[in-house]
Amino acid sequence: MSPDPSVLQLAMKSLLGSLLTLYMMALLLRWLAPWLELELSRGWLRVIPRAADPLINLMRRLLPPMGPMDWGPVAAVVLVWIVRIILVNY
């Protein structure tokens, strides 16, 4: 007997939402690492820059220069948040 399609869809949406939330947390950690004095080049933390930097660098290229503040990570988090809302809620 196969599972109900609605249950499978709900499970997939839940998994996708969790993965996108985890990615948003990685983006925020990458952004806050210098202030938290985290060494992202050691141990299991090496995964964070590899996962977060491609999207952050894309946002930095797309956004115009806006003073001394780096808005790339903020824009990346907002983008992932919007994608999460669209994919999980609809």
N, C-alpha and C. Protein backbone atom coordinates (compact mmCIF):
# COMPACT_ATOMS: atom_id res chain seq x y z
N MET A 1 0.83 -1.16 0.00
CA MET A 1 0.00 0.00 0.00
C MET A 1 0.89 1.25 0.00
N SER A 2 0.66 2.17 -0.92
CA SER A 2 1.48 3.38 -1.01
C SER A 2 0.90 4.47 -0.11
N PRO A 3 1.77 5.40 0.33
CA PRO A 3 1.27 6.46 1.21
C PRO A 3 0.37 7.43 0.44
N ASP A 4 -0.47 8.11 1.16
CA ASP A 4 -1.37 9.11 0.59
C ASP A 4 -0.53 10.24 -0.03
N PRO A 5 -0.87 10.68 -1.26
CA PRO A 5 -0.08 11.74 -1.90
C PRO A 5 -0.03 13.02 -1.08
N SER A 6 -1.09 13.35 -0.38
CA SER A 6 -1.09 14.57 0.41
C SER A 6 -0.11 14.47 1.58
N VAL A 7 0.03 13.28 2.16
CA VAL A 7 0.98 13.09 3.25
C VAL A 7 2.41 13.21 2.71
N LEU A 8 2.66 12.64 1.55
CA LEU A 8 3.98 12.73 0.93
C LEU A 8 4.31 14.18 0.57
N GLN A 9 3.34 14.90 0.03
CA GLN A 9 3.56 16.31 -0.30
C GLN A 9 3.84 17.13 0.95
N LEU A 10 3.11 16.87 2.00
CA LEU A 10 3.33 17.58 3.27
C LEU A 10 4.72 17.29 3.82
N ALA A 11 5.15 16.04 3.73
CA ALA A 11 6.48 15.68 4.21
C ALA A 11 7.57 16.36 3.37
N MET A 12 7.37 16.41 2.06
CA MET A 12 8.36 17.06 1.18
C MET A 12 8.42 18.56 1.45
N LYS A 13 7.26 19.20 1.65
CA LYS A 13 7.24 20.63 1.96
C LYS A 13 7.94 20.90 3.30
N SER A 14 7.71 20.02 4.25
CA SER A 14 8.34 20.19 5.56
C SER A 14 9.86 20.04 5.45
N LEU A 15 10.30 19.04 4.70
CA LEU A 15 11.73 18.84 4.51
C LEU A 15 12.36 20.02 3.77
N LEU A 16 11.70 20.50 2.72
CA LEU A 16 12.21 21.64 1.96
C LEU A 16 12.27 22.89 2.82
N GLY A 17 11.23 23.11 3.61
CA GLY A 17 11.23 24.27 4.51
C GLY A 17 12.35 24.20 5.53
N SER A 18 12.59 23.01 6.06
CA SER A 18 13.67 22.83 7.04
C SER A 18 15.04 23.06 6.41
N LEU A 19 15.25 22.56 5.20
CA LEU A 19 16.53 22.75 4.52
C LEU A 19 16.77 24.23 4.19
N LEU A 20 15.73 24.92 3.75
CA LEU A 20 15.88 26.35 3.44
C LEU A 20 16.13 27.16 4.70
N THR A 21 15.49 26.79 5.81
CA THR A 21 15.74 27.47 7.08
C THR A 21 17.18 27.24 7.54
N LEU A 22 17.66 26.02 7.39
CA LEU A 22 19.04 25.71 7.74
C LEU A 22 20.02 26.52 6.87
N TYR A 23 19.68 26.68 5.59
CA TYR A 23 20.53 27.47 4.70
C TYR A 23 20.52 28.95 5.10
N MET A 24 19.36 29.46 5.51
CA MET A 24 19.31 30.84 5.99
C MET A 24 20.18 31.01 7.24
N MET A 25 20.17 30.03 8.11
CA MET A 25 21.00 30.09 9.31
C MET A 25 22.49 30.06 8.94
N ALA A 26 22.85 29.28 7.92
CA ALA A 26 24.24 29.25 7.46
C ALA A 26 24.64 30.59 6.88
N LEU A 27 23.74 31.24 6.14
CA LEU A 27 24.02 32.57 5.59
C LEU A 27 24.24 33.58 6.71
N LEU A 28 23.39 33.54 7.71
CA LEU A 28 23.53 34.46 8.84
C LEU A 28 24.81 34.20 9.63
N LEU A 29 25.14 32.94 9.81
CA LEU A 29 26.38 32.60 10.52
C LEU A 29 27.60 33.06 9.75
N ARG A 30 27.54 32.92 8.43
CA ARG A 30 28.65 33.38 7.58
C ARG A 30 28.82 34.89 7.70
N TRP A 31 27.70 35.60 7.77
CA TRP A 31 27.72 37.05 7.87
C TRP A 31 28.22 37.51 9.24
N LEU A 32 27.84 36.80 10.30
CA LEU A 32 28.17 37.21 11.66
C LEU A 32 29.48 36.62 12.17
N ALA A 33 30.09 35.74 11.43
CA ALA A 33 31.30 35.06 11.89
C ALA A 33 32.42 36.01 12.31
N PRO A 34 32.70 37.08 11.57
CA PRO A 34 33.77 37.98 12.02
C PRO A 34 33.48 38.62 13.38
N TRP A 35 32.24 38.98 13.63
CA TRP A 35 31.90 39.60 14.91
C TRP A 35 31.87 38.59 16.04
N LEU A 36 31.51 37.36 15.72
CA LEU A 36 31.49 36.31 16.73
C LEU A 36 32.85 35.65 16.91
N GLU A 37 33.81 36.07 16.11
CA GLU A 37 35.18 35.55 16.12
C GLU A 37 35.19 34.04 15.91
N LEU A 38 34.41 33.58 14.94
CA LEU A 38 34.39 32.16 14.57
C LEU A 38 35.42 31.89 13.50
N GLU A 39 36.12 30.80 13.64
CA GLU A 39 37.11 30.38 12.65
C GLU A 39 36.43 29.40 11.70
N LEU A 40 35.96 29.92 10.55
CA LEU A 40 35.21 29.11 9.60
C LEU A 40 36.10 28.26 8.69
N SER A 41 37.38 28.29 8.91
CA SER A 41 38.28 27.49 8.08
C SER A 41 38.74 26.21 8.79
N ARG A 42 38.14 25.92 9.92
CA ARG A 42 38.54 24.72 10.68
C ARG A 42 37.37 23.81 10.94
N GLY A 43 37.65 22.55 10.96
CA GLY A 43 36.66 21.54 11.35
C GLY A 43 35.42 21.53 10.48
N TRP A 44 34.31 21.21 11.12
CA TRP A 44 33.06 21.09 10.37
C TRP A 44 32.52 22.43 9.92
N LEU A 45 33.04 23.54 10.47
CA LEU A 45 32.58 24.88 10.06
C LEU A 45 33.02 25.24 8.65
N ARG A 46 33.95 24.46 8.07
CA ARG A 46 34.38 24.72 6.69
C ARG A 46 33.24 24.58 5.69
N VAL A 47 32.21 23.86 6.06
CA VAL A 47 31.07 23.65 5.17
C VAL A 47 30.29 24.96 4.95
N ILE A 48 30.25 25.81 5.96
CA ILE A 48 29.43 27.01 5.89
C ILE A 48 29.87 27.96 4.78
N PRO A 49 31.14 28.34 4.66
CA PRO A 49 31.50 29.22 3.54
C PRO A 49 31.28 28.58 2.17
N ARG A 50 31.54 27.27 2.07
CA ARG A 50 31.32 26.59 0.78
C ARG A 50 29.86 26.63 0.37
N ALA A 51 28.96 26.55 1.33
CA ALA A 51 27.53 26.55 1.01
C ALA A 51 26.99 27.97 0.83
N ALA A 52 27.47 28.91 1.63
CA ALA A 52 26.89 30.25 1.64
C ALA A 52 27.52 31.22 0.64
N ASP A 53 28.81 31.09 0.38
CA ASP A 53 29.50 32.07 -0.45
C ASP A 53 28.99 32.20 -1.89
N PRO A 54 28.60 31.14 -2.57
CA PRO A 54 28.12 31.35 -3.95
C PRO A 54 26.92 32.30 -4.03
N LEU A 55 25.94 32.15 -3.17
CA LEU A 55 24.77 33.04 -3.21
C LEU A 55 25.13 34.44 -2.72
N ILE A 56 25.94 34.53 -1.69
CA ILE A 56 26.35 35.85 -1.18
C ILE A 56 27.13 36.60 -2.25
N ASN A 57 28.05 35.94 -2.93
CA ASN A 57 28.83 36.60 -3.98
C ASN A 57 27.96 37.03 -5.15
N LEU A 58 26.94 36.24 -5.48
CA LEU A 58 26.01 36.63 -6.53
C LEU A 58 25.25 37.89 -6.12
N MET A 59 24.81 37.94 -4.89
CA MET A 59 24.10 39.14 -4.41
C MET A 59 25.01 40.36 -4.40
N ARG A 60 26.27 40.18 -4.04
CA ARG A 60 27.22 41.30 -4.06
C ARG A 60 27.43 41.84 -5.47
N ARG A 61 27.44 40.93 -6.46
CA ARG A 61 27.59 41.38 -7.85
C ARG A 61 26.34 42.09 -8.35
N LEU A 62 25.16 41.66 -7.91
CA LEU A 62 23.92 42.24 -8.39
C LEU A 62 23.58 43.58 -7.73
N LEU A 63 23.95 43.74 -6.46
CA LEU A 63 23.62 44.96 -5.74
C LEU A 63 24.64 46.06 -6.04
N PRO A 64 24.18 47.30 -6.15
CA PRO A 64 25.14 48.40 -6.33
C PRO A 64 25.87 48.66 -5.01
N PRO A 65 27.05 49.28 -5.07
CA PRO A 65 27.76 49.62 -3.83
C PRO A 65 26.93 50.58 -2.97
N MET A 66 26.81 50.25 -1.69
CA MET A 66 25.98 51.07 -0.79
C MET A 66 26.75 51.43 0.48
N GLY A 67 27.90 52.02 0.31
CA GLY A 67 28.66 52.45 1.46
C GLY A 67 29.45 51.32 2.10
N PRO A 68 29.81 51.48 3.37
CA PRO A 68 30.67 50.50 4.01
C PRO A 68 29.95 49.20 4.41
N MET A 69 28.64 49.19 4.38
CA MET A 69 27.88 47.99 4.79
C MET A 69 27.83 46.98 3.67
N ASP A 70 28.06 45.72 4.01
CA ASP A 70 27.96 44.63 3.04
C ASP A 70 26.53 44.08 3.08
N TRP A 71 25.74 44.38 2.06
CA TRP A 71 24.34 43.98 2.01
C TRP A 71 24.14 42.65 1.31
N GLY A 72 25.18 42.03 0.80
CA GLY A 72 25.07 40.74 0.11
C GLY A 72 24.45 39.65 0.97
N PRO A 73 24.95 39.43 2.19
CA PRO A 73 24.35 38.40 3.03
C PRO A 73 22.90 38.69 3.41
N VAL A 74 22.59 39.95 3.65
CA VAL A 74 21.22 40.32 4.00
C VAL A 74 20.28 40.03 2.82
N ALA A 75 20.70 40.43 1.62
CA ALA A 75 19.90 40.18 0.43
C ALA A 75 19.74 38.68 0.18
N ALA A 76 20.78 37.92 0.44
CA ALA A 76 20.72 36.47 0.25
C ALA A 76 19.72 35.83 1.21
N VAL A 77 19.73 36.26 2.46
CA VAL A 77 18.78 35.73 3.45
C VAL A 77 17.35 36.09 3.06
N VAL A 78 17.14 37.32 2.64
CA VAL A 78 15.79 37.75 2.24
C VAL A 78 15.33 36.96 1.02
N LEU A 79 16.21 36.73 0.07
CA LEU A 79 15.85 35.96 -1.12
C LEU A 79 15.46 34.53 -0.75
N VAL A 80 16.26 33.88 0.08
CA VAL A 80 15.96 32.50 0.49
C VAL A 80 14.67 32.47 1.30
N TRP A 81 14.44 33.48 2.12
CA TRP A 81 13.22 33.56 2.91
C TRP A 81 11.99 33.66 2.01
N ILE A 82 12.07 34.50 0.97
CA ILE A 82 10.96 34.66 0.03
C ILE A 82 10.71 33.34 -0.72
N VAL A 83 11.78 32.71 -1.17
CA VAL A 83 11.65 31.44 -1.87
C VAL A 83 11.02 30.39 -0.96
N ARG A 84 11.42 30.38 0.30
CA ARG A 84 10.86 29.44 1.27
C ARG A 84 9.37 29.66 1.45
N ILE A 85 8.96 30.91 1.58
CA ILE A 85 7.54 31.21 1.75
C ILE A 85 6.75 30.75 0.53
N ILE A 86 7.27 31.04 -0.66
CA ILE A 86 6.56 30.67 -1.88
C ILE A 86 6.47 29.15 -2.03
N LEU A 87 7.56 28.45 -1.82
CA LEU A 87 7.56 27.00 -2.04
C LEU A 87 6.83 26.22 -0.96
N VAL A 88 6.93 26.65 0.27
CA VAL A 88 6.35 25.88 1.36
C VAL A 88 4.87 26.20 1.57
N ASN A 89 4.49 27.44 1.41
CA ASN A 89 3.11 27.82 1.71
C ASN A 89 2.15 27.62 0.54
N TYR A 90 2.67 27.50 -0.67
CA TYR A 90 1.75 27.38 -1.82
C TYR A 90 1.91 26.07 -2.53
